[in-house]
């Protein structure tokens, strides 16, 4: 499954308002709820937050990839958000995260979330991809930055 197959313009926010980890996750979940991918925001938040309490999904380089598997997810989806000021996400490198990818997968989807995390991580290892995402001022530019295989 390609990132572009489950990341839509409607689940992209180029100007996140949140200032902390919990709020940014809730803000991204709201995007997915509006697209119809999530049936119960609170139930899905609990799944994501439980994962965050176990280990942070702030991978460093200004990126965080919170994720969760839940019965509350109707269809696999990704939300993307960008924060100019950055948010402390307990990242591996100790720096704030600016780029956020929330991955939501249905409970019965086996290892789909792992495949999506792996695909995203491979793309985000490239500095030019991260730079394009930082500089993206339209949703189309976000999708374009993530479109290569």
N, C-alpha and C. Protein backbone atom coordinates (compact mmCIF):
# COMPACT_ATOMS: atom_id res chain seq x y z
N UNK A 1 0.85 -1.18 0.00
CA UNK A 1 0.00 0.00 0.00
C UNK A 1 0.89 1.24 0.00
N UNK A 2 0.57 2.18 -0.87
CA UNK A 2 1.35 3.41 -0.95
C UNK A 2 0.78 4.46 -0.01
N UNK A 3 1.66 5.35 0.44
CA UNK A 3 1.25 6.42 1.34
C UNK A 3 0.16 7.27 0.70
N UNK A 4 0.32 7.58 -0.57
CA UNK A 4 -0.66 8.40 -1.28
C UNK A 4 -2.04 7.77 -1.38
N UNK A 5 -2.11 6.44 -1.18
CA UNK A 5 -3.40 5.75 -1.23
C UNK A 5 -4.25 6.03 0.02
N UNK A 6 -3.59 6.38 1.13
CA UNK A 6 -4.35 6.56 2.37
C UNK A 6 -4.12 7.92 3.04
N UNK A 7 -3.34 8.77 2.41
CA UNK A 7 -3.18 10.15 2.89
C UNK A 7 -3.90 11.05 1.90
N UNK A 8 -4.96 11.69 2.35
CA UNK A 8 -5.73 12.55 1.46
C UNK A 8 -5.55 14.01 1.84
N UNK A 9 -5.91 14.89 0.94
CA UNK A 9 -5.82 16.33 1.22
C UNK A 9 -6.63 16.70 2.46
N UNK A 10 -7.74 16.00 2.67
CA UNK A 10 -8.61 16.30 3.81
C UNK A 10 -7.98 15.91 5.15
N UNK A 11 -6.92 15.11 5.12
CA UNK A 11 -6.27 14.71 6.37
C UNK A 11 -4.89 15.36 6.53
N UNK A 12 -4.73 16.53 5.92
CA UNK A 12 -3.48 17.30 6.01
C UNK A 12 -3.79 18.66 6.64
N UNK A 13 -2.97 19.03 7.62
CA UNK A 13 -3.07 20.35 8.25
C UNK A 13 -1.68 20.97 8.27
N UNK A 14 -1.50 22.06 7.54
CA UNK A 14 -0.19 22.70 7.44
C UNK A 14 0.09 23.69 8.56
N UNK A 15 -0.85 23.85 9.47
CA UNK A 15 -0.68 24.83 10.55
C UNK A 15 -1.34 24.32 11.84
N UNK A 16 -0.71 23.31 12.43
CA UNK A 16 -1.26 22.75 13.67
C UNK A 16 -1.27 23.81 14.77
N UNK A 17 -2.31 23.79 15.57
CA UNK A 17 -2.47 24.76 16.66
C UNK A 17 -1.94 24.24 17.99
N UNK A 18 -1.76 22.95 18.11
CA UNK A 18 -1.38 22.32 19.37
C UNK A 18 0.00 22.73 19.84
N UNK A 19 0.19 22.61 21.17
CA UNK A 19 1.50 22.95 21.73
C UNK A 19 2.07 21.82 22.60
N UNK A 20 1.36 20.68 22.66
CA UNK A 20 1.88 19.54 23.42
C UNK A 20 1.49 18.24 22.73
N UNK A 21 2.15 17.17 23.16
CA UNK A 21 2.01 15.86 22.53
C UNK A 21 0.55 15.37 22.49
N UNK A 22 -0.11 15.41 23.63
CA UNK A 22 -1.49 14.92 23.70
C UNK A 22 -2.41 15.70 22.77
N UNK A 23 -2.27 17.01 22.75
CA UNK A 23 -3.14 17.86 21.92
C UNK A 23 -2.90 17.63 20.43
N UNK A 24 -1.64 17.46 20.04
CA UNK A 24 -1.36 17.27 18.61
C UNK A 24 -1.95 15.94 18.14
N UNK A 25 -1.87 14.92 18.97
CA UNK A 25 -2.47 13.63 18.59
C UNK A 25 -3.98 13.79 18.42
N UNK A 26 -4.62 14.48 19.35
CA UNK A 26 -6.07 14.70 19.26
C UNK A 26 -6.43 15.53 18.03
N UNK A 27 -5.60 16.51 17.71
CA UNK A 27 -5.86 17.36 16.53
C UNK A 27 -5.78 16.53 15.25
N UNK A 28 -4.79 15.64 15.17
CA UNK A 28 -4.66 14.78 13.99
C UNK A 28 -5.79 13.75 13.92
N UNK A 29 -6.20 13.23 15.07
CA UNK A 29 -7.32 12.28 15.10
C UNK A 29 -8.59 12.96 14.59
N UNK A 30 -8.79 14.21 14.94
CA UNK A 30 -9.97 14.95 14.46
C UNK A 30 -9.99 15.05 12.94
N UNK A 31 -8.82 15.21 12.34
CA UNK A 31 -8.75 15.24 10.87
C UNK A 31 -9.25 13.92 10.29
N UNK A 32 -8.80 12.81 10.88
CA UNK A 32 -9.21 11.49 10.37
C UNK A 32 -10.68 11.23 10.63
N UNK A 33 -11.19 11.72 11.74
CA UNK A 33 -12.62 11.54 12.03
C UNK A 33 -13.47 12.27 10.99
N UNK A 34 -13.02 13.44 10.56
CA UNK A 34 -13.76 14.21 9.55
C UNK A 34 -13.80 13.49 8.21
N UNK A 35 -12.77 12.68 7.92
CA UNK A 35 -12.75 11.95 6.65
C UNK A 35 -13.56 10.66 6.73
N UNK A 36 -14.02 10.30 7.93
CA UNK A 36 -14.81 9.09 8.10
C UNK A 36 -13.98 7.84 8.34
N UNK A 37 -12.68 7.99 8.53
CA UNK A 37 -11.81 6.84 8.75
C UNK A 37 -11.90 6.29 10.17
N UNK A 38 -12.32 7.15 11.10
CA UNK A 38 -12.39 6.76 12.51
C UNK A 38 -13.82 6.94 13.02
N UNK A 39 -14.32 5.90 13.69
CA UNK A 39 -15.69 5.95 14.21
C UNK A 39 -15.75 6.57 15.61
N UNK A 40 -14.71 6.35 16.41
CA UNK A 40 -14.72 6.80 17.80
C UNK A 40 -13.37 7.44 18.13
N UNK A 41 -13.34 8.77 18.21
CA UNK A 41 -12.09 9.49 18.43
C UNK A 41 -11.45 9.13 19.77
N UNK A 42 -12.24 9.03 20.82
CA UNK A 42 -11.70 8.76 22.14
C UNK A 42 -11.09 7.36 22.22
N UNK A 43 -11.78 6.39 21.65
CA UNK A 43 -11.27 5.02 21.67
C UNK A 43 -9.95 4.93 20.90
N UNK A 44 -9.88 5.60 19.75
CA UNK A 44 -8.64 5.56 18.99
C UNK A 44 -7.53 6.31 19.72
N UNK A 45 -7.86 7.45 20.33
CA UNK A 45 -6.86 8.19 21.10
C UNK A 45 -6.27 7.29 22.19
N UNK A 46 -7.12 6.54 22.88
CA UNK A 46 -6.63 5.65 23.94
C UNK A 46 -5.60 4.66 23.40
N UNK A 47 -5.85 4.12 22.20
CA UNK A 47 -4.91 3.16 21.59
C UNK A 47 -3.58 3.84 21.27
N UNK A 48 -3.64 5.04 20.70
CA UNK A 48 -2.42 5.77 20.34
C UNK A 48 -1.67 6.18 21.61
N UNK A 49 -2.39 6.68 22.59
CA UNK A 49 -1.76 7.18 23.81
C UNK A 49 -1.10 6.04 24.59
N UNK A 50 -1.73 4.86 24.59
CA UNK A 50 -1.15 3.70 25.26
C UNK A 50 0.20 3.37 24.63
N UNK A 51 0.27 3.45 23.32
CA UNK A 51 1.52 3.22 22.59
C UNK A 51 2.56 4.27 22.98
N UNK A 52 2.15 5.52 23.04
CA UNK A 52 3.07 6.62 23.39
C UNK A 52 3.62 6.46 24.81
N UNK A 53 2.78 5.94 25.71
CA UNK A 53 3.25 5.75 27.09
C UNK A 53 4.30 4.65 27.16
N UNK A 54 4.22 3.68 26.26
CA UNK A 54 5.19 2.59 26.22
C UNK A 54 6.52 3.08 25.66
N UNK A 55 6.47 3.78 24.55
CA UNK A 55 7.67 4.40 23.96
C UNK A 55 7.23 5.52 23.04
N UNK A 56 8.05 6.55 23.00
CA UNK A 56 7.71 7.71 22.18
C UNK A 56 7.89 7.39 20.71
N UNK A 57 7.03 7.96 19.89
CA UNK A 57 7.13 7.78 18.44
C UNK A 57 7.79 8.99 17.78
N UNK A 58 8.45 9.82 18.59
CA UNK A 58 9.26 10.90 18.05
C UNK A 58 10.56 10.29 17.56
N UNK A 59 10.71 10.15 16.25
CA UNK A 59 11.85 9.41 15.70
C UNK A 59 13.09 10.27 15.52
N UNK A 60 12.97 11.57 15.74
CA UNK A 60 14.10 12.47 15.55
C UNK A 60 14.00 13.19 14.22
N UNK A 61 14.96 14.04 13.94
CA UNK A 61 15.01 14.82 12.69
C UNK A 61 13.76 15.69 12.53
N UNK A 62 13.10 16.02 13.65
CA UNK A 62 11.91 16.86 13.58
C UNK A 62 10.64 16.13 13.20
N UNK A 63 10.66 14.79 13.29
CA UNK A 63 9.54 13.97 12.83
C UNK A 63 8.99 13.09 13.96
N UNK A 64 7.67 12.95 13.99
CA UNK A 64 7.01 12.01 14.90
C UNK A 64 5.97 11.22 14.11
N UNK A 65 5.88 9.92 14.42
CA UNK A 65 4.93 9.05 13.72
C UNK A 65 4.08 8.29 14.74
N UNK A 66 3.19 9.00 15.45
CA UNK A 66 2.30 8.28 16.36
C UNK A 66 1.39 7.35 15.56
N UNK A 67 1.02 6.24 16.16
CA UNK A 67 0.19 5.27 15.43
C UNK A 67 -0.61 4.42 16.41
N UNK A 68 -1.66 3.83 15.87
CA UNK A 68 -2.48 2.96 16.70
C UNK A 68 -3.32 2.02 15.86
N UNK A 69 -3.62 0.89 16.48
CA UNK A 69 -4.50 -0.13 15.91
C UNK A 69 -5.72 -0.19 16.80
N UNK A 70 -6.90 -0.12 16.20
CA UNK A 70 -8.10 -0.06 17.04
C UNK A 70 -9.34 -0.48 16.27
N UNK A 71 -10.32 -1.00 17.02
CA UNK A 71 -11.63 -1.29 16.43
C UNK A 71 -12.34 -0.01 16.01
N UNK A 72 -11.89 1.12 16.55
CA UNK A 72 -12.50 2.42 16.22
C UNK A 72 -12.12 2.89 14.82
N UNK A 73 -11.13 2.24 14.20
CA UNK A 73 -10.68 2.64 12.86
C UNK A 73 -11.48 1.85 11.82
N UNK A 74 -12.17 2.57 10.95
CA UNK A 74 -12.98 1.93 9.91
C UNK A 74 -12.14 1.54 8.70
N UNK A 75 -11.17 2.38 8.35
CA UNK A 75 -10.28 2.09 7.23
C UNK A 75 -8.92 2.72 7.49
N UNK A 76 -7.88 2.06 7.02
CA UNK A 76 -6.52 2.56 7.22
C UNK A 76 -6.40 3.98 6.68
N UNK A 77 -5.73 4.82 7.45
CA UNK A 77 -5.59 6.22 7.05
C UNK A 77 -4.37 6.83 7.71
N UNK A 78 -3.89 7.91 7.10
CA UNK A 78 -2.79 8.69 7.66
C UNK A 78 -3.21 10.14 7.68
N UNK A 79 -2.90 10.82 8.78
CA UNK A 79 -3.06 12.27 8.86
C UNK A 79 -1.67 12.87 8.93
N UNK A 80 -1.48 14.01 8.27
CA UNK A 80 -0.21 14.73 8.33
C UNK A 80 -0.45 16.12 8.88
N UNK A 81 0.42 16.53 9.77
CA UNK A 81 0.34 17.88 10.30
C UNK A 81 1.72 18.48 10.44
N UNK A 82 1.77 19.81 10.34
CA UNK A 82 3.03 20.53 10.45
C UNK A 82 2.90 21.62 11.50
N UNK A 83 3.91 21.74 12.34
CA UNK A 83 3.95 22.78 13.38
C UNK A 83 5.21 23.62 13.17
N UNK A 84 5.02 24.89 12.87
CA UNK A 84 6.17 25.78 12.66
C UNK A 84 7.01 25.89 13.92
N UNK A 85 6.37 26.03 15.07
CA UNK A 85 7.11 26.25 16.31
C UNK A 85 7.71 24.96 16.87
N UNK A 86 7.15 23.82 16.49
CA UNK A 86 7.65 22.55 17.00
C UNK A 86 7.01 22.19 18.33
N UNK A 87 6.96 20.89 18.60
CA UNK A 87 6.32 20.37 19.80
C UNK A 87 7.24 19.33 20.42
N UNK A 88 7.43 19.42 21.73
CA UNK A 88 8.24 18.43 22.44
C UNK A 88 7.52 17.09 22.35
N UNK A 89 8.15 16.11 21.71
CA UNK A 89 7.53 14.81 21.51
C UNK A 89 8.39 13.70 22.10
N UNK A 90 9.27 14.06 23.03
CA UNK A 90 10.20 13.08 23.61
C UNK A 90 10.95 12.33 22.53
N UNK A 91 11.41 13.08 21.53
CA UNK A 91 12.09 12.48 20.38
C UNK A 91 13.44 11.90 20.77
N UNK A 92 13.89 10.93 19.98
CA UNK A 92 15.15 10.26 20.24
C UNK A 92 16.32 11.23 20.28
N UNK A 93 16.27 12.29 19.46
CA UNK A 93 17.38 13.25 19.43
C UNK A 93 17.16 14.43 20.38
N UNK A 94 16.06 14.41 21.14
CA UNK A 94 15.79 15.45 22.12
C UNK A 94 15.29 16.76 21.53
N UNK A 95 15.10 16.81 20.22
CA UNK A 95 14.66 18.04 19.56
C UNK A 95 13.14 18.01 19.33
N UNK A 96 12.52 19.19 19.21
CA UNK A 96 11.07 19.22 18.97
C UNK A 96 10.72 18.63 17.60
N UNK A 97 9.52 18.10 17.51
CA UNK A 97 9.01 17.59 16.23
C UNK A 97 8.22 18.70 15.55
N UNK A 98 8.35 18.76 14.24
CA UNK A 98 7.62 19.73 13.42
C UNK A 98 6.69 19.04 12.42
N UNK A 99 7.05 17.82 12.04
CA UNK A 99 6.28 17.06 11.05
C UNK A 99 5.68 15.84 11.75
N UNK A 100 4.37 15.68 11.60
CA UNK A 100 3.65 14.61 12.30
C UNK A 100 2.85 13.77 11.31
N UNK A 101 3.01 12.47 11.42
CA UNK A 101 2.23 11.52 10.63
C UNK A 101 1.51 10.61 11.62
N UNK A 102 0.19 10.69 11.67
CA UNK A 102 -0.59 9.81 12.52
C UNK A 102 -1.12 8.67 11.66
N UNK A 103 -0.74 7.45 12.02
CA UNK A 103 -1.17 6.26 11.27
C UNK A 103 -2.28 5.57 12.05
N UNK A 104 -3.39 5.32 11.37
CA UNK A 104 -4.54 4.63 11.98
C UNK A 104 -4.85 3.39 11.16
N UNK A 105 -4.89 2.24 11.83
CA UNK A 105 -5.24 1.00 11.13
C UNK A 105 -6.28 0.23 11.95
N UNK A 106 -7.15 -0.51 11.25
CA UNK A 106 -8.14 -1.32 11.96
C UNK A 106 -7.47 -2.42 12.78
N UNK A 107 -8.13 -2.82 13.84
CA UNK A 107 -7.61 -3.85 14.75
C UNK A 107 -7.17 -5.11 14.01
N UNK A 108 -7.95 -5.52 13.02
CA UNK A 108 -7.71 -6.80 12.34
C UNK A 108 -6.69 -6.70 11.20
N UNK A 109 -5.98 -5.60 11.09
CA UNK A 109 -5.11 -5.39 9.93
C UNK A 109 -3.72 -6.00 10.06
N UNK A 110 -3.49 -6.82 11.04
CA UNK A 110 -2.21 -7.52 11.25
C UNK A 110 -1.05 -6.54 11.30
N UNK A 111 -0.13 -6.61 10.32
CA UNK A 111 1.08 -5.80 10.39
C UNK A 111 1.08 -4.60 9.44
N UNK A 112 -0.09 -4.17 8.99
CA UNK A 112 -0.17 -3.04 8.06
C UNK A 112 0.49 -1.79 8.64
N UNK A 113 0.26 -1.52 9.92
CA UNK A 113 0.86 -0.32 10.52
C UNK A 113 2.39 -0.38 10.47
N UNK A 114 2.96 -1.57 10.63
CA UNK A 114 4.42 -1.71 10.57
C UNK A 114 4.93 -1.44 9.16
N UNK A 115 4.19 -1.91 8.16
CA UNK A 115 4.58 -1.64 6.77
C UNK A 115 4.51 -0.15 6.46
N UNK A 116 3.47 0.51 6.95
CA UNK A 116 3.32 1.94 6.70
C UNK A 116 4.41 2.75 7.41
N UNK A 117 4.72 2.37 8.64
CA UNK A 117 5.80 3.05 9.38
C UNK A 117 7.12 2.87 8.64
N UNK A 118 7.37 1.66 8.18
CA UNK A 118 8.60 1.38 7.45
C UNK A 118 8.69 2.19 6.16
N UNK A 119 7.60 2.23 5.41
CA UNK A 119 7.58 3.00 4.16
C UNK A 119 7.81 4.48 4.43
N UNK A 120 7.11 5.02 5.41
CA UNK A 120 7.28 6.44 5.77
C UNK A 120 8.71 6.72 6.23
N UNK A 121 9.24 5.87 7.08
CA UNK A 121 10.59 6.07 7.61
C UNK A 121 11.62 6.09 6.50
N UNK A 122 11.48 5.18 5.54
CA UNK A 122 12.42 5.16 4.40
C UNK A 122 12.36 6.47 3.64
N UNK A 123 11.17 6.99 3.41
CA UNK A 123 11.04 8.26 2.70
C UNK A 123 11.64 9.41 3.51
N UNK A 124 11.36 9.42 4.81
CA UNK A 124 11.77 10.53 5.66
C UNK A 124 13.26 10.53 5.99
N UNK A 125 13.95 9.44 5.69
CA UNK A 125 15.40 9.41 5.87
C UNK A 125 16.07 10.37 4.90
N UNK A 126 15.40 10.66 3.80
CA UNK A 126 15.97 11.54 2.78
C UNK A 126 15.75 13.00 3.18
N UNK A 127 16.84 13.72 3.33
CA UNK A 127 16.75 15.11 3.76
C UNK A 127 15.90 15.95 2.81
N UNK A 128 15.97 15.65 1.50
CA UNK A 128 15.19 16.45 0.55
C UNK A 128 13.68 16.27 0.74
N UNK A 129 13.27 15.10 1.20
CA UNK A 129 11.84 14.86 1.48
C UNK A 129 11.41 15.68 2.69
N UNK A 130 12.20 15.61 3.76
CA UNK A 130 11.87 16.40 4.96
C UNK A 130 11.86 17.89 4.64
N UNK A 131 12.83 18.33 3.86
CA UNK A 131 12.92 19.75 3.48
C UNK A 131 11.68 20.16 2.68
N UNK A 132 11.27 19.31 1.74
CA UNK A 132 10.08 19.61 0.94
C UNK A 132 8.83 19.69 1.82
N UNK A 133 8.75 18.83 2.82
CA UNK A 133 7.60 18.85 3.73
C UNK A 133 7.62 20.10 4.61
N UNK A 134 8.81 20.46 5.11
CA UNK A 134 8.93 21.69 5.91
C UNK A 134 8.49 22.91 5.11
N UNK A 135 8.87 22.93 3.83
CA UNK A 135 8.61 24.10 2.99
C UNK A 135 7.24 24.07 2.32
N UNK A 136 6.55 22.94 2.38
CA UNK A 136 5.25 22.80 1.70
C UNK A 136 4.26 23.84 2.21
N UNK A 137 3.70 24.60 1.28
CA UNK A 137 2.70 25.60 1.66
C UNK A 137 1.33 25.27 1.10
N UNK A 138 1.23 24.11 0.44
CA UNK A 138 -0.06 23.60 -0.03
C UNK A 138 -0.13 22.10 0.27
N UNK A 139 -1.34 21.60 0.35
CA UNK A 139 -1.53 20.17 0.58
C UNK A 139 -1.01 19.36 -0.59
N UNK A 140 -1.11 19.91 -1.79
CA UNK A 140 -0.61 19.23 -2.98
C UNK A 140 0.90 19.02 -2.89
N UNK A 141 1.60 20.00 -2.34
CA UNK A 141 3.06 19.88 -2.21
C UNK A 141 3.44 18.80 -1.19
N UNK A 142 2.62 18.62 -0.18
CA UNK A 142 2.86 17.54 0.79
C UNK A 142 2.74 16.20 0.07
N UNK A 143 1.65 16.02 -0.66
CA UNK A 143 1.44 14.76 -1.39
C UNK A 143 2.54 14.52 -2.41
N UNK A 144 2.97 15.57 -3.07
CA UNK A 144 4.04 15.47 -4.06
C UNK A 144 5.36 15.04 -3.40
N UNK A 145 5.66 15.60 -2.24
CA UNK A 145 6.91 15.27 -1.54
C UNK A 145 6.96 13.79 -1.15
N UNK A 146 5.81 13.19 -0.92
CA UNK A 146 5.75 11.80 -0.48
C UNK A 146 5.45 10.82 -1.62
N UNK A 147 5.38 11.32 -2.85
CA UNK A 147 4.88 10.49 -3.95
C UNK A 147 5.92 9.54 -4.55
N UNK A 148 7.20 9.77 -4.34
CA UNK A 148 8.18 8.88 -4.98
C UNK A 148 8.24 7.55 -4.23
N UNK A 149 8.68 6.51 -4.95
CA UNK A 149 8.79 5.17 -4.32
C UNK A 149 10.20 4.88 -3.90
